[in-house]
Amino acid sequence: MFLLYNKCRNGEDYMQRFNSLINTTVDTKLESLLTQRKAPLSEDGMKKILEELTLYMAGDRRFYIAFYPKEDAIKNDTIQASDIDRVDLMQATDDEKYLPIFSTLEGLRVFKPTLQKDEHIYVVTKQDVLDFLNMNAKVAAAVLNPLVDDLLLYRMQLQNLIQVQAEQL
């Protein structure tokens, strides 16, 4: 589905620059639900998995993303969506642009084995992703684990997941 990379200029929540002290434990529950989603299931089975995945995604989930922070923010450990200078996007066969995000650091590193000069990995929340999408109207959605799971997270879905998470607290 996804064909090529595209660079996007970005014009507010805090994102944490990845470092060796950050816990990178794989979220086995999320990975299991994403795998089950791809399995051949009955209609009821698929509905049940999607409901479980939605409820689980409404929790406090973190994602990994690689982007280029603005020069004045490049040394900061935490930044806001407005501090992103550019990010590699994916151009799909539907001519839409998508933001690649990853549920594991390993997944990001397989997808993007080498970071470019001034490109860094950040740990982000659903709110960070939504803030980025809201600042970049030309980006259709985020895609979780592209070329593996291809789970699309549109603005409205992210808003709903964030709202459910807030209600659970």
C-alpha atoms as a PDB file:
ATOM      1  CA  MET A   1       0.000   0.000   0.000  1.00  0.00           C
ATOM      2  CA  PHE A   2       2.764   2.478   0.868  1.00  0.00           C
ATOM      3  CA  LEU A   3       5.187   3.405  -1.854  1.00  0.00           C
ATOM      4  CA  LEU A   4       7.606   6.180  -1.007  1.00  0.00           C
ATOM      5  CA  TYR A   5       8.815   8.647   1.574  1.00  0.00           C
ATOM      6  CA  ASN A   6       7.989  12.299   1.581  1.00  0.00           C
ATOM      7  CA  LYS A   7       9.272  15.113   3.764  1.00  0.00           C
ATOM      8  CA  CYS A   8       6.784  17.312   5.595  1.00  0.00           C
ATOM      9  CA  ARG A   9       7.292  20.672   7.260  1.00  0.00           C
ATOM     10  CA  ASN A  10       5.590  20.903  10.605  1.00  0.00           C
ATOM     11  CA  GLY A  11       4.495  23.636  12.487  1.00  0.00           C
ATOM     12  CA  GLU A  12       1.636  20.894  21.687  1.00  0.00           C
ATOM     13  CA  ASP A  13       2.424  18.270  24.069  1.00  0.00           C
ATOM     14  CA  TYR A  14       5.872  17.091  25.136  1.00  0.00           C
ATOM     15  CA  MET A  15       7.702  14.335  23.334  1.00  0.00           C
ATOM     16  CA  GLN A  16      10.660  12.607  25.002  1.00  0.00           C
ATOM     17  CA  ARG A  17      13.863  12.124  23.030  1.00  0.00           C
ATOM     18  CA  PHE A  18      14.821   8.457  23.156  1.00  0.00           C
ATOM     19  CA  ASN A  19      17.822   7.576  25.314  1.00  0.00           C
ATOM     20  CA  SER A  20      19.252   4.396  26.806  1.00  0.00           C
ATOM     21  CA  LEU A  21      17.436   4.982  30.120  1.00  0.00           C
ATOM     22  CA  ILE A  22      13.981   4.707  28.542  1.00  0.00           C
ATOM     23  CA  ASN A  23      12.256   1.390  29.128  1.00  0.00           C
ATOM     24  CA  THR A  24      11.862  -0.343  25.756  1.00  0.00           C
ATOM     25  CA  THR A  25      10.003  -3.401  27.003  1.00  0.00           C
ATOM     26  CA  VAL A  26       7.794  -4.729  24.226  1.00  0.00           C
ATOM     27  CA  ASP A  27       4.090  -4.330  24.945  1.00  0.00           C
ATOM     28  CA  THR A  28       3.225  -8.003  24.423  1.00  0.00           C
ATOM     29  CA  LYS A  29      -0.522  -7.418  24.845  1.00  0.00           C
ATOM     30  CA  LEU A  30      -0.565  -4.830  22.049  1.00  0.00           C
ATOM     31  CA  GLU A  31       1.611  -6.986  19.806  1.00  0.00           C
ATOM     32  CA  SER A  32      -0.675  -9.982  20.434  1.00  0.00           C
ATOM     33  CA  LEU A  33      -3.809  -7.989  19.578  1.00  0.00           C
ATOM     34  CA  LEU A  34      -2.219  -6.631  16.398  1.00  0.00           C
ATOM     35  CA  THR A  35      -1.227 -10.164  15.363  1.00  0.00           C
ATOM     36  CA  GLN A  36      -4.706 -11.563  16.113  1.00  0.00           C
ATOM     37  CA  ARG A  37      -6.211  -8.764  13.993  1.00  0.00           C
ATOM     38  CA  LYS A  38      -4.404 -10.191  10.948  1.00  0.00           C
ATOM     39  CA  ALA A  39      -5.460 -13.794  11.566  1.00  0.00           C
ATOM     40  CA  PRO A  40      -8.375 -15.346   9.673  1.00  0.00           C
ATOM     41  CA  LEU A  41     -11.317 -14.889  12.035  1.00  0.00           C
ATOM     42  CA  SER A  42     -15.071 -15.120  11.903  1.00  0.00           C
ATOM     43  CA  GLU A  43     -16.967 -11.843  11.785  1.00  0.00           C
ATOM     44  CA  ASP A  44     -17.696 -12.122  15.519  1.00  0.00           C
ATOM     45  CA  GLY A  45     -14.074 -13.010  16.261  1.00  0.00           C
ATOM     46  CA  MET A  46     -12.818 -10.006  14.303  1.00  0.00           C
ATOM     47  CA  LYS A  47     -15.318  -7.729  16.031  1.00  0.00           C
ATOM     48  CA  LYS A  48     -14.162  -8.996  19.443  1.00  0.00           C
ATOM     49  CA  ILE A  49     -10.464  -8.478  18.612  1.00  0.00           C
ATOM     50  CA  LEU A  50     -11.118  -4.969  17.275  1.00  0.00           C
ATOM     51  CA  GLU A  51     -13.069  -4.084  20.424  1.00  0.00           C
ATOM     52  CA  GLU A  52     -10.229  -5.399  22.619  1.00  0.00           C
ATOM     53  CA  LEU A  53      -7.654  -3.547  20.531  1.00  0.00           C
ATOM     54  CA  THR A  54      -9.648  -0.318  20.757  1.00  0.00           C
ATOM     55  CA  LEU A  55     -10.011  -0.591  24.527  1.00  0.00           C
ATOM     56  CA  TYR A  56      -6.344  -1.424  24.921  1.00  0.00           C
ATOM     57  CA  MET A  57      -5.259   1.438  22.658  1.00  0.00           C
ATOM     58  CA  ALA A  58      -7.349   3.793  24.814  1.00  0.00           C
ATOM     59  CA  GLY A  59      -4.910   3.133  27.652  1.00  0.00           C
ATOM     60  CA  ASP A  60      -1.590   4.863  28.226  1.00  0.00           C
ATOM     61  CA  ARG A  61       0.283   3.716  25.111  1.00  0.00           C
ATOM     62  CA  ARG A  62       3.615   5.093  23.907  1.00  0.00           C
ATOM     63  CA  PHE A  63       4.948   5.038  20.366  1.00  0.00           C
ATOM     64  CA  TYR A  64       8.294   5.603  18.676  1.00  0.00           C
ATOM     65  CA  ILE A  65       8.817   8.042  15.844  1.00  0.00           C
ATOM     66  CA  ALA A  66      11.860   9.466  14.044  1.00  0.00           C
ATOM     67  CA  PHE A  67      11.911  13.103  12.974  1.00  0.00           C
ATOM     68  CA  TYR A  68      14.048  16.192  12.627  1.00  0.00           C
ATOM     69  CA  PRO A  69      13.549  18.739  15.413  1.00  0.00           C
ATOM     70  CA  LYS A  70      14.029  22.431  14.692  1.00  0.00           C
ATOM     71  CA  GLU A  71      17.572  23.672  15.199  1.00  0.00           C
ATOM     72  CA  ASP A  72      16.743  25.607  18.373  1.00  0.00           C
ATOM     73  CA  ALA A  73      15.123  22.499  19.932  1.00  0.00           C
ATOM     74  CA  ILE A  74      17.600  19.864  18.786  1.00  0.00           C
ATOM     75  CA  LYS A  75      19.437  19.700  22.131  1.00  0.00           C
ATOM     76  CA  ASN A  76      16.283  19.526  24.259  1.00  0.00           C
ATOM     77  CA  ASP A  77      15.299  16.183  25.764  1.00  0.00           C
ATOM     78  CA  THR A  78      11.602  17.051  25.507  1.00  0.00           C
ATOM     79  CA  ILE A  79       9.920  18.985  22.739  1.00  0.00           C
ATOM     80  CA  GLN A  80       6.454  19.891  21.513  1.00  0.00           C
ATOM     81  CA  ALA A  81       4.868  19.060  18.165  1.00  0.00           C
ATOM     82  CA  SER A  82       5.556  22.646  17.070  1.00  0.00           C
ATOM     83  CA  ASP A  83       9.311  21.964  17.497  1.00  0.00           C
ATOM     84  CA  ILE A  84       9.319  19.422  14.653  1.00  0.00           C
ATOM     85  CA  ASP A  85      11.048  20.797  11.579  1.00  0.00           C
ATOM     86  CA  ARG A  86      10.351  17.858   9.285  1.00  0.00           C
ATOM     87  CA  VAL A  87       9.503  14.197   9.295  1.00  0.00           C
ATOM     88  CA  ASP A  88       9.596  11.432   6.703  1.00  0.00           C
ATOM     89  CA  LEU A  89       6.055  10.618   5.639  1.00  0.00           C
ATOM     90  CA  MET A  90       4.740   7.739   3.594  1.00  0.00           C
ATOM     91  CA  GLN A  91       2.919   8.335   0.327  1.00  0.00           C
ATOM     92  CA  ALA A  92       0.239   5.707  -0.259  1.00  0.00           C
ATOM     93  CA  THR A  93      -1.298   4.453  -3.473  1.00  0.00           C
ATOM     94  CA  ASP A  94      -4.376   6.530  -2.582  1.00  0.00           C
ATOM     95  CA  ASP A  95      -2.157   9.662  -2.909  1.00  0.00           C
ATOM     96  CA  GLU A  96      -2.576  10.382   0.809  1.00  0.00           C
ATOM     97  CA  LYS A  97       0.350  11.008   3.160  1.00  0.00           C
ATOM     98  CA  TYR A  98       0.735   9.050   6.389  1.00  0.00           C
ATOM     99  CA  LEU A  99       2.898   9.485   9.480  1.00  0.00           C
ATOM    100  CA  PRO A 100       4.727   6.231  10.354  1.00  0.00           C
ATOM    101  CA  ILE A 101       4.719   5.443  14.089  1.00  0.00           C
ATOM    102  CA  PHE A 102       5.853   2.273  15.821  1.00  0.00           C
ATOM    103  CA  SER A 103       4.810   0.269  18.855  1.00  0.00           C
ATOM    104  CA  THR A 104       8.377  -0.967  19.383  1.00  0.00           C
ATOM    105  CA  LEU A 105      11.810   0.568  19.026  1.00  0.00           C
ATOM    106  CA  GLU A 106      12.880  -2.547  17.140  1.00  0.00           C
ATOM    107  CA  GLY A 107      10.071  -2.024  14.614  1.00  0.00           C
ATOM    108  CA  LEU A 108      11.216   1.528  13.940  1.00  0.00           C
ATOM    109  CA  ARG A 109      14.825   0.394  13.559  1.00  0.00           C
ATOM    110  CA  VAL A 110      13.852  -2.332  11.082  1.00  0.00           C
ATOM    111  CA  PHE A 111      11.810   0.181   9.084  1.00  0.00           C
ATOM    112  CA  LYS A 112      14.481   2.889   9.301  1.00  0.00           C
ATOM    113  CA  PRO A 113      17.848   1.237  10.064  1.00  0.00           C
ATOM    114  CA  THR A 114      19.885   4.444   9.744  1.00  0.00           C
ATOM    115  CA  LEU A 115      18.956   7.867  11.035  1.00  0.00           C
ATOM    116  CA  GLN A 116      20.004  10.853   8.960  1.00  0.00           C
ATOM    117  CA  LYS A 117      21.955  13.839  10.287  1.00  0.00           C
ATOM    118  CA  ASP A 118      19.899  15.695  12.939  1.00  0.00           C
ATOM    119  CA  GLU A 119      17.169  13.023  12.877  1.00  0.00           C
ATOM    120  CA  HIS A 120      16.263  11.644  16.313  1.00  0.00           C
ATOM    121  CA  ILE A 121      13.926   9.057  17.803  1.00  0.00           C
ATOM    122  CA  TYR A 122      11.231  10.285  20.182  1.00  0.00           C
ATOM    123  CA  VAL A 123       8.759   8.523  22.440  1.00  0.00           C
ATOM    124  CA  VAL A 124       5.306  10.008  21.863  1.00  0.00           C
ATOM    125  CA  THR A 125       1.749   9.677  23.116  1.00  0.00           C
ATOM    126  CA  LYS A 126      -1.535   9.584  21.235  1.00  0.00           C
ATOM    127  CA  GLN A 127      -1.925  13.284  22.071  1.00  0.00           C
ATOM    128  CA  ASP A 128       1.469  14.072  20.497  1.00  0.00           C
ATOM    129  CA  VAL A 129       0.458  12.246  17.317  1.00  0.00           C
ATOM    130  CA  LEU A 130      -2.893  14.051  17.245  1.00  0.00           C
ATOM    131  CA  ASP A 131      -1.176  17.428  17.770  1.00  0.00           C
ATOM    132  CA  PHE A 132       1.125  16.707  14.836  1.00  0.00           C
ATOM    133  CA  LEU A 133      -1.780  15.667  12.603  1.00  0.00           C
ATOM    134  CA  ASN A 134      -3.787  18.748  13.583  1.00  0.00           C
ATOM    135  CA  MET A 135      -0.852  20.989  12.634  1.00  0.00           C
ATOM    136  CA  ASN A 136      -0.426  19.212   9.299  1.00  0.00           C
ATOM    137  CA  ALA A 137      -3.734  19.040   7.458  1.00  0.00           C
ATOM    138  CA  LYS A 138      -2.112  17.379   4.430  1.00  0.00           C
ATOM    139  CA  VAL A 139      -1.242  14.293   6.495  1.00  0.00           C
ATOM    140  CA  ALA A 140      -4.242  11.933   6.407  1.00  0.00           C
ATOM    141  CA  ALA A 141      -3.435   9.802   9.459  1.00  0.00           C
ATOM    142  CA  ALA A 142      -0.752   8.013  11.413  1.00  0.00           C
ATOM    143  CA  VAL A 143      -0.007   4.417  10.487  1.00  0.00           C
ATOM    144  CA  LEU A 144       1.069   2.129  13.320  1.00  0.00           C
ATOM    145  CA  ASN A 145       3.791  -0.341  12.335  1.00  0.00           C
ATOM    146  CA  PRO A 146       3.725   0.325   8.573  1.00  0.00           C
ATOM    147  CA  LEU A 147       4.239  -2.613   6.233  1.00  0.00           C
ATOM    148  CA  VAL A 148       3.612  -4.961   9.177  1.00  0.00           C
ATOM    149  CA  ASP A 149       0.327  -4.057  10.873  1.00  0.00           C
ATOM    150  CA  ASP A 150      -0.748  -0.970   8.874  1.00  0.00           C
ATOM    151  CA  LEU A 151      -3.158   0.128  11.606  1.00  0.00           C
ATOM    152  CA  LEU A 152      -4.436   3.552  10.535  1.00  0.00           C
ATOM    153  CA  LEU A 153      -5.107   6.079  13.280  1.00  0.00           C
ATOM    154  CA  TYR A 154      -7.126   9.005  11.964  1.00  0.00           C
ATOM    155  CA  ARG A 155      -7.661  12.234  13.902  1.00  0.00           C
ATOM    156  CA  MET A 156     -11.169  11.316  15.050  1.00  0.00           C
ATOM    157  CA  GLN A 157     -10.045   7.878  16.241  1.00  0.00           C
ATOM    158  CA  LEU A 158      -7.177   9.415  18.198  1.00  0.00           C
ATOM    159  CA  GLN A 159      -9.535  11.982  19.749  1.00  0.00           C
ATOM    160  CA  ASN A 160     -11.924   9.220  20.777  1.00  0.00           C
ATOM    161  CA  LEU A 161      -9.117   7.078  22.234  1.00  0.00           C
ATOM    162  CA  ILE A 162      -7.798  10.067  24.193  1.00  0.00           C
ATOM    163  CA  GLN A 163     -11.287  10.848  25.490  1.00  0.00           C
ATOM    164  CA  VAL A 164     -11.843   7.240  26.603  1.00  0.00           C
ATOM    165  CA  GLN A 165      -8.429   7.271  28.312  1.00  0.00           C
ATOM    166  CA  ALA A 166      -9.337  10.485  30.186  1.00  0.00           C
ATOM    167  CA  GLU A 167     -12.648   8.967  31.304  1.00  0.00           C
ATOM    168  CA  GLN A 168     -10.846   5.864  32.611  1.00  0.00           C
ATOM    169  CA  LEU A 169      -8.646   7.949  34.928  1.00  0.00           C
END
